[in-house]
Amino acid sequence: MAGKERLSPSSDNSREPGEPAPEASSRLICASADLTDGGDGVRFAFDRNGETVPAFAIRHRGRVYAYLNRCAHIAMELDWKPGNFFDTDREYLICSTHGALYAPESGACRGGPCRGAALTALNLFEADGKVYLKKD
């Protein structure tokens, strides 16, 4: 799947002496600057339990988040156009097929047919101006 990838925020971009570089235990998704607040997300795919699964990263209120690109209501990709995950107000992530609304900071369903469900969050972080997916 073509596209950019994004990661979640980090409280500290520095490393302790002798600490391995982020690349050692993580996968680079994109440059931090690729994710703008409420803007298009970065799509990426990764191997999970032997299956290649679609995912995406977004920035909301200054923080970066990533989720499987799979609606919690019915397993369909959320974006109606590659990378377009936010509603028109840029407050919620929206499923283009069912209209389900998700909180960008938690993935929790906030409206629509997904009540009580949530998107599957991924473990991301930012370091040295880049976004990384932490390997399991």
Protein backbone atom coordinates (compact mmCIF):
# COMPACT_ATOMS: atom_id res chain seq x y z
CA MET A 1 0.00 0.00 0.00
CA ALA A 2 1.51 3.32 -1.02
CA GLY A 3 1.45 6.33 1.25
CA LYS A 4 3.05 7.91 4.21
CA GLU A 5 3.20 6.51 7.70
CA ARG A 6 2.89 8.36 11.00
CA LEU A 7 3.65 7.69 14.62
CA SER A 8 2.62 8.78 18.05
CA PRO A 9 4.21 11.54 20.06
CA SER A 10 7.19 11.30 22.29
CA SER A 11 7.89 13.34 25.35
CA ASP A 12 11.64 13.31 24.74
CA ASN A 13 13.55 13.20 21.47
CA SER A 14 16.92 12.57 23.12
CA ARG A 15 18.57 9.26 23.95
CA GLU A 16 20.76 8.25 26.84
CA PRO A 17 24.39 7.42 26.04
CA GLY A 18 24.61 3.83 24.83
CA GLU A 19 20.86 3.62 24.16
CA PRO A 20 20.18 2.08 20.73
CA ALA A 21 18.84 4.26 17.93
CA PRO A 22 15.07 4.02 17.35
CA GLU A 23 15.68 2.04 14.17
CA ALA A 24 17.03 -0.88 16.22
CA SER A 25 13.67 -1.81 17.77
CA SER A 26 11.23 0.06 15.54
CA ARG A 27 10.11 0.66 11.98
CA LEU A 28 10.27 4.11 10.43
CA ILE A 29 6.84 5.25 9.28
CA CYS A 30 7.41 8.85 8.16
CA ALA A 31 8.98 12.18 9.00
CA SER A 32 7.20 14.01 11.84
CA ALA A 33 6.57 16.93 9.48
CA ASP A 34 4.51 14.64 7.21
CA LEU A 35 1.72 14.67 9.77
CA THR A 36 -0.09 17.95 10.20
CA ASP A 37 -2.69 18.57 12.88
CA GLY A 38 -6.07 17.40 11.55
CA GLY A 39 -4.56 16.84 8.10
CA ASP A 40 -4.29 13.78 5.95
CA GLY A 41 -2.95 10.67 7.57
CA VAL A 42 -0.15 8.44 6.42
CA ARG A 43 -1.16 4.96 5.31
CA PHE A 44 1.16 2.00 5.78
CA ALA A 45 1.01 -1.77 6.05
CA PHE A 46 2.86 -4.12 8.35
CA ASP A 47 3.07 -7.80 9.17
CA ARG A 48 0.92 -8.93 12.10
CA ASN A 49 0.76 -12.61 12.96
CA GLY A 50 1.83 -13.55 9.44
CA GLU A 51 -0.74 -11.31 7.74
CA THR A 52 -0.09 -7.95 6.05
CA VAL A 53 -2.54 -5.48 7.57
CA PRO A 54 -3.35 -1.88 6.62
CA ALA A 55 -2.79 0.89 9.15
CA PHE A 56 -2.59 4.66 9.36
CA ALA A 57 -1.12 7.43 11.46
CA ILE A 58 -2.56 10.91 12.09
CA ARG A 59 -1.77 13.97 14.18
CA HIS A 60 -4.46 15.45 16.42
CA ARG A 61 -3.97 18.37 18.79
CA GLY A 62 -0.21 18.11 18.44
CA ARG A 63 0.07 14.39 19.15
CA VAL A 64 0.56 11.50 16.76
CA TYR A 65 -1.60 8.37 16.85
CA ALA A 66 -1.84 5.21 14.74
CA TYR A 67 -4.50 2.56 14.28
CA LEU A 68 -5.28 -0.43 12.13
CA ASN A 69 -7.16 0.86 9.09
CA ARG A 70 -10.19 -1.23 9.95
CA CYS A 71 -13.61 0.02 11.07
CA ALA A 72 -14.68 -1.52 14.39
CA HIS A 73 -18.21 -1.99 13.03
CA ILE A 74 -17.31 -3.97 9.90
CA ALA A 75 -13.69 -4.64 8.93
CA MET A 76 -13.42 -2.11 6.09
CA GLU A 77 -10.79 0.61 5.62
CA LEU A 78 -11.89 3.97 7.00
CA ASP A 79 -10.56 6.52 4.52
CA TRP A 80 -12.81 7.48 1.60
CA LYS A 81 -9.78 8.82 -0.24
CA PRO A 82 -6.26 7.61 0.62
CA GLY A 83 -5.12 9.37 3.79
CA ASN A 84 -8.40 11.22 4.44
CA PHE A 85 -9.49 10.01 7.88
CA PHE A 86 -10.95 13.10 9.58
CA ASP A 87 -14.51 14.40 9.38
CA THR A 88 -15.09 17.87 7.90
CA ASP A 89 -14.59 19.55 11.31
CA ARG A 90 -11.27 17.71 11.84
CA GLU A 91 -12.45 16.55 15.28
CA TYR A 92 -13.18 12.86 14.69
CA LEU A 93 -11.94 10.02 12.54
CA ILE A 94 -14.77 8.83 10.32
CA CYS A 95 -15.54 5.60 8.50
CA SER A 96 -16.37 6.53 4.93
CA THR A 97 -18.62 3.48 4.53
CA HIS A 98 -20.71 3.52 7.71
CA GLY A 99 -20.23 7.03 9.12
CA ALA A 100 -18.88 5.68 12.42
CA LEU A 101 -17.03 8.40 14.37
CA TYR A 102 -13.92 7.70 16.44
CA ALA A 103 -12.00 9.84 18.94
CA PRO A 104 -8.55 10.46 17.39
CA GLU A 105 -6.79 10.31 20.78
CA SER A 106 -8.19 6.92 21.82
CA GLY A 107 -9.89 5.27 18.86
CA ALA A 108 -13.09 4.94 20.93
CA CYS A 109 -16.36 5.05 19.00
CA ARG A 110 -18.19 8.34 19.55
CA GLY A 111 -21.12 7.83 17.20
CA GLY A 112 -22.65 5.60 14.56
CA PRO A 113 -22.96 1.83 14.34
CA CYS A 114 -19.76 1.11 16.28
CA ARG A 115 -21.11 2.02 19.75
CA GLY A 116 -18.96 0.54 22.51
CA ALA A 117 -16.18 -0.54 20.12
CA ALA A 118 -12.84 1.06 19.31
CA LEU A 119 -10.17 1.12 16.64
CA THR A 120 -7.10 -1.03 17.32
CA ALA A 121 -4.32 1.29 18.49
CA LEU A 122 -0.69 0.78 17.49
CA ASN A 123 2.40 1.55 19.55
CA LEU A 124 4.04 4.58 17.94
CA PHE A 125 6.53 7.21 19.01
CA GLU A 126 8.42 10.21 17.65
CA ALA A 127 12.18 10.63 17.91
CA ASP A 128 14.66 12.84 16.09
CA GLY A 129 11.97 14.32 13.81
CA LYS A 130 10.67 10.92 12.69
CA VAL A 131 7.70 8.71 13.51
CA TYR A 132 8.26 5.05 14.33
CA LEU A 133 6.13 1.96 14.84
CA LYS A 134 7.46 0.01 17.81
CA LYS A 135 8.05 -3.62 16.89
CA ASP A 136 6.22 -6.20 18.98
